[in-house]
Amino acid sequence: MNQSHFNHVFLAQRVSLLRTLERMVQNHSTAEDLLQETYLRVSRALGERAIEHLEPFVFQTARNLALDHLRSRRIQARMVVEDVPMEVVESVAAPGSSAEDAVHAQRLLEHLNLSLNQLSTRQHQIFILSRVHGHSYQDIAGQLDVSISTVQKELKLIMAICISVVERATR
């Protein structure tokens, strides 16, 4: 399997994948995020090994990401954080992280930052509203007086840039 075959399968199944994810997580924006993460994960897996049954693999990857998300939400909901600010909770390092992981992550962030600084003002606004503030495509389109299709196309381009940066950094 090659990347172009995967792209074809992904695009053909995108709507079905998105509907499945939306049913699972009950949130369109989260489902979109999980769909993009599915694309990244399967692309990475294709680079590491051959995948014989691509379509079921894509759906299982999406399903697993949704289940991980739901599990994380359940755990977060059970946590008692009244006495501890959320910034402190989120800043606790994972037990398996190493100095090498931190350096790699820092380098990746620097490369992403350089690439994202090349975006147009509108693209930058769309990215921030969507990925940082979690606004829906419809909200962003209304705020920027553009069509929802424009927001989707710009985010697709921005995500392609991000994917390219990640792929170059992992080589």
N, C-alpha and C. Protein backbone atom coordinates (compact mmCIF):
# COMPACT_ATOMS: atom_id res chain seq x y z
N MET A 1 0.84 -1.18 0.00
CA MET A 1 0.00 0.00 0.00
C MET A 1 0.89 1.24 0.00
N ASN A 2 0.51 2.21 -0.80
CA ASN A 2 1.26 3.45 -0.79
C ASN A 2 0.38 4.60 -0.31
N GLN A 3 1.00 5.76 -0.14
CA GLN A 3 0.30 6.91 0.42
C GLN A 3 -0.84 7.36 -0.48
N SER A 4 -0.65 7.34 -1.80
CA SER A 4 -1.71 7.80 -2.70
C SER A 4 -2.93 6.88 -2.63
N HIS A 5 -2.70 5.56 -2.49
CA HIS A 5 -3.83 4.64 -2.33
C HIS A 5 -4.57 4.92 -1.02
N PHE A 6 -3.80 5.18 0.04
CA PHE A 6 -4.42 5.51 1.32
C PHE A 6 -5.23 6.80 1.20
N ASN A 7 -4.65 7.82 0.54
CA ASN A 7 -5.38 9.08 0.37
C ASN A 7 -6.71 8.85 -0.33
N HIS A 8 -6.70 8.00 -1.35
CA HIS A 8 -7.93 7.68 -2.08
C HIS A 8 -8.94 7.00 -1.15
N VAL A 9 -8.49 6.01 -0.39
CA VAL A 9 -9.37 5.30 0.54
C VAL A 9 -9.90 6.26 1.59
N PHE A 10 -9.02 7.09 2.13
CA PHE A 10 -9.41 8.02 3.19
C PHE A 10 -10.46 8.99 2.69
N LEU A 11 -10.23 9.57 1.52
CA LEU A 11 -11.20 10.53 0.97
C LEU A 11 -12.53 9.85 0.65
N ALA A 12 -12.48 8.63 0.16
CA ALA A 12 -13.71 7.90 -0.16
C ALA A 12 -14.51 7.58 1.10
N GLN A 13 -13.83 7.36 2.22
CA GLN A 13 -14.50 6.98 3.47
C GLN A 13 -14.61 8.12 4.47
N ARG A 14 -14.18 9.31 4.10
CA ARG A 14 -14.13 10.43 5.03
C ARG A 14 -15.48 10.71 5.69
N VAL A 15 -16.53 10.80 4.90
CA VAL A 15 -17.86 11.13 5.45
C VAL A 15 -18.32 10.04 6.41
N SER A 16 -18.13 8.80 6.01
CA SER A 16 -18.54 7.68 6.86
C SER A 16 -17.73 7.65 8.16
N LEU A 17 -16.43 7.89 8.05
CA LEU A 17 -15.58 7.96 9.24
C LEU A 17 -16.01 9.09 10.17
N LEU A 18 -16.28 10.25 9.59
CA LEU A 18 -16.68 11.40 10.39
C LEU A 18 -18.00 11.13 11.11
N ARG A 19 -18.96 10.54 10.41
CA ARG A 19 -20.25 10.21 11.04
C ARG A 19 -20.06 9.22 12.19
N THR A 20 -19.23 8.23 11.97
CA THR A 20 -18.96 7.25 13.02
C THR A 20 -18.36 7.92 14.25
N LEU A 21 -17.37 8.77 14.01
CA LEU A 21 -16.72 9.47 15.12
C LEU A 21 -17.69 10.42 15.82
N GLU A 22 -18.51 11.12 15.05
CA GLU A 22 -19.49 12.03 15.66
C GLU A 22 -20.47 11.28 16.55
N ARG A 23 -20.91 10.11 16.10
CA ARG A 23 -21.82 9.29 16.93
C ARG A 23 -21.14 8.87 18.22
N MET A 24 -19.86 8.57 18.13
CA MET A 24 -19.15 8.09 19.31
C MET A 24 -18.87 9.21 20.31
N VAL A 25 -18.40 10.37 19.83
CA VAL A 25 -17.96 11.41 20.76
C VAL A 25 -18.98 12.52 20.96
N GLN A 26 -20.03 12.51 20.15
CA GLN A 26 -21.13 13.48 20.29
C GLN A 26 -20.68 14.93 20.14
N ASN A 27 -19.67 15.17 19.29
CA ASN A 27 -19.18 16.52 19.11
C ASN A 27 -18.50 16.61 17.74
N HIS A 28 -18.99 17.50 16.89
CA HIS A 28 -18.47 17.59 15.53
C HIS A 28 -17.00 18.02 15.48
N SER A 29 -16.64 19.03 16.27
CA SER A 29 -15.26 19.52 16.25
C SER A 29 -14.28 18.45 16.73
N THR A 30 -14.66 17.74 17.78
CA THR A 30 -13.81 16.67 18.29
C THR A 30 -13.70 15.56 17.25
N ALA A 31 -14.81 15.25 16.60
CA ALA A 31 -14.79 14.22 15.56
C ALA A 31 -13.85 14.63 14.42
N GLU A 32 -13.88 15.90 14.03
CA GLU A 32 -12.96 16.39 12.99
C GLU A 32 -11.51 16.23 13.43
N ASP A 33 -11.24 16.58 14.68
CA ASP A 33 -9.88 16.43 15.21
C ASP A 33 -9.44 14.97 15.19
N LEU A 34 -10.33 14.09 15.61
CA LEU A 34 -10.01 12.66 15.63
C LEU A 34 -9.81 12.12 14.21
N LEU A 35 -10.58 12.65 13.28
CA LEU A 35 -10.43 12.24 11.88
C LEU A 35 -9.05 12.63 11.36
N GLN A 36 -8.61 13.84 11.69
CA GLN A 36 -7.28 14.27 11.26
C GLN A 36 -6.19 13.45 11.95
N GLU A 37 -6.39 13.14 13.21
CA GLU A 37 -5.43 12.30 13.92
C GLU A 37 -5.39 10.90 13.31
N THR A 38 -6.54 10.40 12.88
CA THR A 38 -6.60 9.09 12.22
C THR A 38 -5.73 9.12 10.96
N TYR A 39 -5.88 10.19 10.18
CA TYR A 39 -5.08 10.32 8.97
C TYR A 39 -3.58 10.29 9.29
N LEU A 40 -3.20 11.06 10.30
CA LEU A 40 -1.78 11.10 10.68
C LEU A 40 -1.28 9.74 11.15
N ARG A 41 -2.06 9.08 11.99
CA ARG A 41 -1.63 7.79 12.54
C ARG A 41 -1.50 6.73 11.45
N VAL A 42 -2.48 6.67 10.55
CA VAL A 42 -2.43 5.66 9.49
C VAL A 42 -1.29 5.98 8.53
N SER A 43 -1.08 7.25 8.22
CA SER A 43 0.05 7.63 7.36
C SER A 43 1.37 7.18 7.97
N ARG A 44 1.51 7.41 9.27
CA ARG A 44 2.73 7.00 9.98
C ARG A 44 2.87 5.48 9.94
N ALA A 45 1.79 4.76 10.17
CA ALA A 45 1.83 3.30 10.16
C ALA A 45 2.21 2.77 8.78
N LEU A 46 1.69 3.40 7.74
CA LEU A 46 2.04 2.98 6.38
C LEU A 46 3.53 3.15 6.11
N GLY A 47 4.12 4.15 6.71
CA GLY A 47 5.56 4.36 6.55
C GLY A 47 6.39 3.33 7.28
N GLU A 48 5.79 2.69 8.28
CA GLU A 48 6.53 1.73 9.10
C GLU A 48 6.34 0.28 8.68
N ARG A 49 5.17 -0.02 8.10
CA ARG A 49 4.90 -1.41 7.75
C ARG A 49 3.82 -1.48 6.68
N ALA A 50 3.70 -2.64 6.07
CA ALA A 50 2.66 -2.87 5.07
C ALA A 50 1.35 -3.18 5.80
N ILE A 51 0.27 -2.63 5.30
CA ILE A 51 -1.04 -2.88 5.88
C ILE A 51 -1.88 -3.56 4.82
N GLU A 52 -2.24 -4.79 5.11
CA GLU A 52 -2.91 -5.61 4.12
C GLU A 52 -4.36 -5.17 3.87
N HIS A 53 -5.10 -4.93 4.93
CA HIS A 53 -6.51 -4.56 4.81
C HIS A 53 -6.67 -3.12 5.29
N LEU A 54 -6.45 -2.20 4.37
CA LEU A 54 -6.34 -0.79 4.72
C LEU A 54 -7.64 -0.20 5.28
N GLU A 55 -8.75 -0.41 4.60
CA GLU A 55 -10.00 0.21 5.03
C GLU A 55 -10.40 -0.18 6.45
N PRO A 56 -10.41 -1.47 6.80
CA PRO A 56 -10.73 -1.82 8.19
C PRO A 56 -9.71 -1.24 9.18
N PHE A 57 -8.46 -1.16 8.77
CA PHE A 57 -7.42 -0.59 9.63
C PHE A 57 -7.72 0.88 9.92
N VAL A 58 -8.14 1.61 8.90
CA VAL A 58 -8.46 3.03 9.07
C VAL A 58 -9.63 3.19 10.05
N PHE A 59 -10.69 2.39 9.86
CA PHE A 59 -11.85 2.49 10.74
C PHE A 59 -11.49 2.08 12.17
N GLN A 60 -10.68 1.05 12.32
CA GLN A 60 -10.29 0.62 13.67
C GLN A 60 -9.43 1.67 14.35
N THR A 61 -8.54 2.30 13.59
CA THR A 61 -7.71 3.37 14.14
C THR A 61 -8.60 4.51 14.63
N ALA A 62 -9.55 4.92 13.81
CA ALA A 62 -10.47 6.00 14.19
C ALA A 62 -11.26 5.61 15.44
N ARG A 63 -11.77 4.40 15.46
CA ARG A 63 -12.55 3.92 16.61
C ARG A 63 -11.69 3.92 17.88
N ASN A 64 -10.46 3.43 17.77
CA ASN A 64 -9.57 3.41 18.94
C ASN A 64 -9.27 4.81 19.44
N LEU A 65 -9.06 5.76 18.53
CA LEU A 65 -8.80 7.14 18.94
C LEU A 65 -10.02 7.72 19.64
N ALA A 66 -11.22 7.42 19.14
CA ALA A 66 -12.44 7.91 19.79
C ALA A 66 -12.59 7.30 21.17
N LEU A 67 -12.32 6.01 21.29
CA LEU A 67 -12.42 5.36 22.60
C LEU A 67 -11.39 5.93 23.58
N ASP A 68 -10.18 6.19 23.10
CA ASP A 68 -9.16 6.82 23.94
C ASP A 68 -9.62 8.20 24.41
N HIS A 69 -10.21 8.94 23.48
CA HIS A 69 -10.71 10.28 23.83
C HIS A 69 -11.80 10.18 24.91
N LEU A 70 -12.74 9.27 24.70
CA LEU A 70 -13.83 9.11 25.68
C LEU A 70 -13.31 8.66 27.03
N ARG A 71 -12.36 7.76 27.00
CA ARG A 71 -11.75 7.27 28.24
C ARG A 71 -11.06 8.43 28.97
N SER A 72 -10.34 9.23 28.23
CA SER A 72 -9.65 10.38 28.81
C SER A 72 -10.65 11.36 29.42
N ARG A 73 -11.74 11.60 28.73
CA ARG A 73 -12.78 12.50 29.25
C ARG A 73 -13.39 11.96 30.54
N ARG A 74 -13.63 10.64 30.56
CA ARG A 74 -14.20 10.02 31.76
C ARG A 74 -13.25 10.18 32.94
N ILE A 75 -11.99 9.93 32.71
CA ILE A 75 -10.99 10.05 33.77
C ILE A 75 -10.91 11.50 34.23
N GLN A 76 -10.88 12.41 33.29
CA GLN A 76 -10.78 13.82 33.62
C GLN A 76 -12.00 14.27 34.43
N ALA A 77 -13.17 13.75 34.07
CA ALA A 77 -14.39 14.12 34.79
C ALA A 77 -14.36 13.61 36.22
N ARG A 78 -13.70 12.47 36.45
CA ARG A 78 -13.64 11.89 37.79
C ARG A 78 -12.59 12.55 38.67
N MET A 79 -11.64 13.23 38.06
CA MET A 79 -10.56 13.84 38.84
C MET A 79 -11.10 14.97 39.70
N VAL A 80 -10.59 15.08 40.87
CA VAL A 80 -10.95 16.20 41.74
C VAL A 80 -9.87 17.25 41.57
N VAL A 81 -10.22 18.31 40.89
CA VAL A 81 -9.23 19.34 40.61
C VAL A 81 -9.64 20.68 41.21
N GLU A 82 -10.55 20.67 42.14
CA GLU A 82 -11.00 21.92 42.74
C GLU A 82 -9.85 22.64 43.44
N ASP A 83 -8.94 21.89 44.06
CA ASP A 83 -7.84 22.51 44.81
C ASP A 83 -6.61 22.76 43.95
N VAL A 84 -6.57 22.18 42.76
CA VAL A 84 -5.38 22.29 41.91
C VAL A 84 -5.80 22.94 40.59
N PRO A 85 -5.14 24.04 40.20
CA PRO A 85 -5.47 24.67 38.92
C PRO A 85 -5.20 23.71 37.75
N MET A 86 -6.02 23.79 36.72
CA MET A 86 -5.90 22.89 35.57
C MET A 86 -4.53 23.02 34.90
N GLU A 87 -3.91 24.21 34.93
CA GLU A 87 -2.58 24.39 34.33
C GLU A 87 -1.56 23.49 35.02
N VAL A 88 -1.70 23.34 36.32
CA VAL A 88 -0.78 22.50 37.08
C VAL A 88 -1.00 21.03 36.72
N VAL A 89 -2.27 20.63 36.63
CA VAL A 89 -2.59 19.24 36.29
C VAL A 89 -2.05 18.91 34.90
N GLU A 90 -2.24 19.81 33.95
CA GLU A 90 -1.82 19.56 32.57
C GLU A 90 -0.31 19.63 32.39
N SER A 91 0.40 20.28 33.32
CA SER A 91 1.84 20.43 33.17
C SER A 91 2.63 19.25 33.75
N VAL A 92 1.96 18.32 34.40
CA VAL A 92 2.65 17.16 34.97
C VAL A 92 3.14 16.28 33.83
N ALA A 93 4.42 15.98 33.85
CA ALA A 93 5.02 15.18 32.78
C ALA A 93 4.56 13.73 32.87
N ALA A 94 4.42 13.12 31.72
CA ALA A 94 4.09 11.70 31.68
C ALA A 94 5.28 10.91 32.22
N PRO A 95 5.04 9.81 32.93
CA PRO A 95 6.14 9.08 33.54
C PRO A 95 7.14 8.50 32.54
N GLY A 96 6.72 8.24 31.31
CA GLY A 96 7.62 7.62 30.34
C GLY A 96 8.40 8.61 29.50
N SER A 97 8.21 9.92 29.71
CA SER A 97 8.91 10.87 28.86
C SER A 97 10.38 10.99 29.27
N SER A 98 11.20 11.23 28.29
CA SER A 98 12.63 11.34 28.55
C SER A 98 13.14 12.68 28.05
N ALA A 99 14.37 12.98 28.38
CA ALA A 99 14.98 14.22 27.91
C ALA A 99 15.05 14.23 26.38
N GLU A 100 15.31 13.07 25.80
CA GLU A 100 15.37 12.95 24.34
C GLU A 100 14.01 13.26 23.72
N ASP A 101 12.94 12.76 24.33
CA ASP A 101 11.59 13.05 23.85
C ASP A 101 11.31 14.55 23.92
N ALA A 102 11.73 15.17 25.01
CA ALA A 102 11.51 16.60 25.19
C ALA A 102 12.24 17.41 24.13
N VAL A 103 13.48 17.03 23.83
CA VAL A 103 14.25 17.73 22.82
C VAL A 103 13.59 17.56 21.45
N HIS A 104 13.16 16.34 21.16
CA HIS A 104 12.49 16.07 19.88
C HIS A 104 11.21 16.89 19.78
N ALA A 105 10.43 16.92 20.84
CA ALA A 105 9.18 17.68 20.85
C ALA A 105 9.45 19.17 20.67
N GLN A 106 10.48 19.67 21.33
CA GLN A 106 10.82 21.09 21.21
C GLN A 106 11.23 21.42 19.77
N ARG A 107 12.03 20.55 19.17
CA ARG A 107 12.45 20.77 17.78
C ARG A 107 11.25 20.76 16.84
N LEU A 108 10.36 19.81 17.06
CA LEU A 108 9.16 19.70 16.24
C LEU A 108 8.30 20.96 16.38
N LEU A 109 8.14 21.46 17.59
CA LEU A 109 7.37 22.68 17.81
C LEU A 109 8.02 23.88 17.12
N GLU A 110 9.34 23.94 17.14
CA GLU A 110 10.03 25.03 16.47
C GLU A 110 9.78 24.99 14.97
N HIS A 111 9.86 23.78 14.38
CA HIS A 111 9.60 23.63 12.94
C HIS A 111 8.15 23.97 12.61
N LEU A 112 7.22 23.51 13.44
CA LEU A 112 5.82 23.84 13.21
C LEU A 112 5.59 25.34 13.31
N ASN A 113 6.19 25.97 14.30
CA ASN A 113 6.04 27.41 14.48
C ASN A 113 6.55 28.17 13.27
N LEU A 114 7.71 27.78 12.76
CA LEU A 114 8.26 28.44 11.58
C LEU A 114 7.32 28.31 10.39
N SER A 115 6.78 27.12 10.19
CA SER A 115 5.86 26.90 9.08
C SER A 115 4.56 27.65 9.26
N LEU A 116 4.02 27.64 10.47
CA LEU A 116 2.75 28.32 10.72
C LEU A 116 2.89 29.83 10.63
N ASN A 117 4.08 30.35 10.88
CA ASN A 117 4.30 31.79 10.74
C ASN A 117 4.26 32.23 9.28
N GLN A 118 4.32 31.29 8.35
CA GLN A 118 4.26 31.61 6.92
C GLN A 118 2.81 31.71 6.43
N LEU A 119 1.85 31.39 7.29
CA LEU A 119 0.44 31.43 6.89
C LEU A 119 -0.02 32.87 6.67
N SER A 120 -1.05 33.00 5.82
CA SER A 120 -1.66 34.32 5.65
C SER A 120 -2.40 34.69 6.94
N THR A 121 -2.78 35.94 7.05
CA THR A 121 -3.50 36.39 8.24
C THR A 121 -4.78 35.60 8.43
N ARG A 122 -5.54 35.40 7.35
CA ARG A 122 -6.80 34.65 7.45
C ARG A 122 -6.54 33.21 7.85
N GLN A 123 -5.54 32.57 7.25
CA GLN A 123 -5.22 31.19 7.60
C GLN A 123 -4.83 31.10 9.08
N HIS A 124 -4.05 32.04 9.54
CA HIS A 124 -3.63 32.07 10.95
C HIS A 124 -4.84 32.20 11.85
N GLN A 125 -5.78 33.09 11.51
CA GLN A 125 -6.99 33.26 12.30
C GLN A 125 -7.81 31.98 12.33
N ILE A 126 -7.96 31.35 11.18
CA ILE A 126 -8.74 30.11 11.09
C ILE A 126 -8.09 29.04 11.96
N PHE A 127 -6.78 28.90 11.86
CA PHE A 127 -6.07 27.89 12.65
C PHE A 127 -6.25 28.13 14.14
N ILE A 128 -6.05 29.36 14.59
CA ILE A 128 -6.17 29.68 16.01
C ILE A 128 -7.60 29.45 16.50
N LEU A 129 -8.58 29.93 15.74
CA LEU A 129 -9.97 29.77 16.16
C LEU A 129 -10.37 28.30 16.24
N SER A 130 -9.89 27.52 15.28
CA SER A 130 -10.26 26.10 15.24
C SER A 130 -9.48 25.27 16.25
N ARG A 131 -8.17 25.34 16.18
CA ARG A 131 -7.34 24.42 16.96
C ARG A 131 -7.02 24.89 18.38
N VAL A 132 -7.00 26.20 18.59
CA VAL A 132 -6.69 26.69 19.93
C VAL A 132 -7.97 26.94 20.72
N HIS A 133 -8.95 27.58 20.07
CA HIS A 133 -10.17 27.94 20.78
C HIS A 133 -11.32 26.95 20.57
N GLY A 134 -11.17 26.01 19.64
CA GLY A 134 -12.16 24.95 19.45
C GLY A 134 -13.46 25.40 18.80
N HIS A 135 -13.43 26.49 18.05
CA HIS A 135 -14.64 26.96 17.38
C HIS A 135 -15.02 26.03 16.23
N SER A 136 -16.30 25.95 15.96
CA SER A 136 -16.78 25.13 14.84
C SER A 136 -16.48 25.85 13.53
N TYR A 137 -16.55 25.09 12.43
CA TYR A 137 -16.32 25.69 11.12
C TYR A 137 -17.34 26.79 10.86
N GLN A 138 -18.58 26.56 11.26
CA GLN A 138 -19.64 27.53 11.05
C GLN A 138 -19.35 28.82 11.83
N ASP A 139 -18.92 28.70 13.08
CA ASP A 139 -18.57 29.88 13.87
C ASP A 139 -17.44 30.68 13.22
N ILE A 140 -16.42 29.95 12.77
CA ILE A 140 -15.26 30.61 12.15
C ILE A 140 -15.68 31.32 10.87
N ALA A 141 -16.48 30.64 10.05
CA ALA A 141 -16.95 31.23 8.80
C ALA A 141 -17.72 32.52 9.08
N GLY A 142 -18.57 32.50 10.10
CA GLY A 142 -19.34 33.69 10.46
C GLY A 142 -18.45 34.81 10.95
N GLN A 143 -17.48 34.49 11.80
CA GLN A 143 -16.59 35.52 12.34
C GLN A 143 -15.73 36.18 11.27
N LEU A 144 -15.29 35.37 10.30
CA LEU A 144 -14.37 35.89 9.28
C LEU A 144 -15.07 36.26 7.98
N ASP A 145 -16.40 36.09 7.95
CA ASP A 145 -17.20 36.41 6.77
C ASP A 145 -16.70 35.66 5.53
N VAL A 146 -16.51 34.36 5.68
CA VAL A 146 -16.14 33.49 4.57
C VAL A 146 -17.07 32.28 4.61
N SER A 147 -17.01 31.46 3.58
CA SER A 147 -17.87 30.27 3.55
C SER A 147 -17.27 29.16 4.42
N ILE A 148 -18.13 28.24 4.81
CA ILE A 148 -17.67 27.07 5.57
C ILE A 148 -16.69 26.28 4.73
N SER A 149 -16.95 26.21 3.44
CA SER A 149 -16.06 25.51 2.52
C SER A 149 -14.66 26.13 2.54
N THR A 150 -14.59 27.45 2.59
CA THR A 150 -13.29 28.12 2.66
C THR A 150 -12.56 27.74 3.93
N VAL A 151 -13.29 27.71 5.05
CA VAL A 151 -12.68 27.33 6.32
C VAL A 151 -12.14 25.91 6.22
N GLN A 152 -12.93 25.00 5.67
CA GLN A 152 -12.50 23.60 5.53
C GLN A 152 -11.27 23.49 4.63
N LYS A 153 -11.28 24.18 3.52
CA LYS A 153 -10.14 24.12 2.59
C LYS A 153 -8.87 24.69 3.22
N GLU A 154 -9.02 25.81 3.91
CA GLU A 154 -7.85 26.42 4.56
C GLU A 154 -7.29 25.49 5.65
N LEU A 155 -8.18 24.90 6.44
CA LEU A 155 -7.70 23.98 7.49
C LEU A 155 -7.05 22.74 6.88
N LYS A 156 -7.59 22.27 5.76
CA LYS A 156 -6.98 21.12 5.09
C LYS A 156 -5.56 21.47 4.64
N LEU A 157 -5.39 22.66 4.09
CA LEU A 157 -4.06 23.11 3.66
C LEU A 157 -3.13 23.26 4.85
N ILE A 158 -3.63 23.85 5.93
CA ILE A 158 -2.81 24.04 7.13
C ILE A 158 -2.39 22.69 7.70
N MET A 159 -3.33 21.74 7.74
CA MET A 159 -3.00 20.42 8.27
C MET A 159 -2.00 19.70 7.37
N ALA A 160 -2.09 19.92 6.07
CA ALA A 160 -1.10 19.33 5.15
C ALA A 160 0.29 19.90 5.45
N ILE A 161 0.35 21.17 5.75
CA ILE A 161 1.62 21.80 6.12
C ILE A 161 2.15 21.15 7.39
N CYS A 162 1.28 20.98 8.38
CA CYS A 162 1.69 20.37 9.65
C CYS A 162 2.16 18.93 9.44
N ILE A 163 1.43 18.18 8.62
CA ILE A 163 1.81 16.80 8.34
C ILE A 163 3.18 16.76 7.68
N SER A 164 3.41 17.67 6.74
CA SER A 164 4.70 17.73 6.05
C SER A 164 5.84 18.02 7.03
N VAL A 165 5.60 18.94 7.96
CA VAL A 165 6.62 19.27 8.97
C VAL A 165 6.91 18.05 9.84
N VAL A 166 5.88 17.37 10.28
CA VAL A 166 6.05 16.19 11.12
C VAL A 166 6.79 15.09 10.36
N GLU A 167 6.43 14.88 9.11
CA GLU A 167 7.10 13.84 8.33
C GLU A 167 8.57 14.16 8.15
N ARG A 168 8.90 15.42 7.87
CA ARG A 168 10.31 15.80 7.71
C ARG A 168 11.06 15.65 9.03
N ALA A 169 10.42 15.94 10.13
CA ALA A 169 11.07 15.89 11.44
C ALA A 169 11.30 14.45 11.91
N THR A 170 10.50 13.51 11.43
CA THR A 170 10.63 12.13 11.87
C THR A 170 11.53 11.31 10.96
N ARG A 171 12.07 11.91 9.95
CA ARG A 171 12.98 11.17 9.04
C ARG A 171 14.35 11.07 9.65
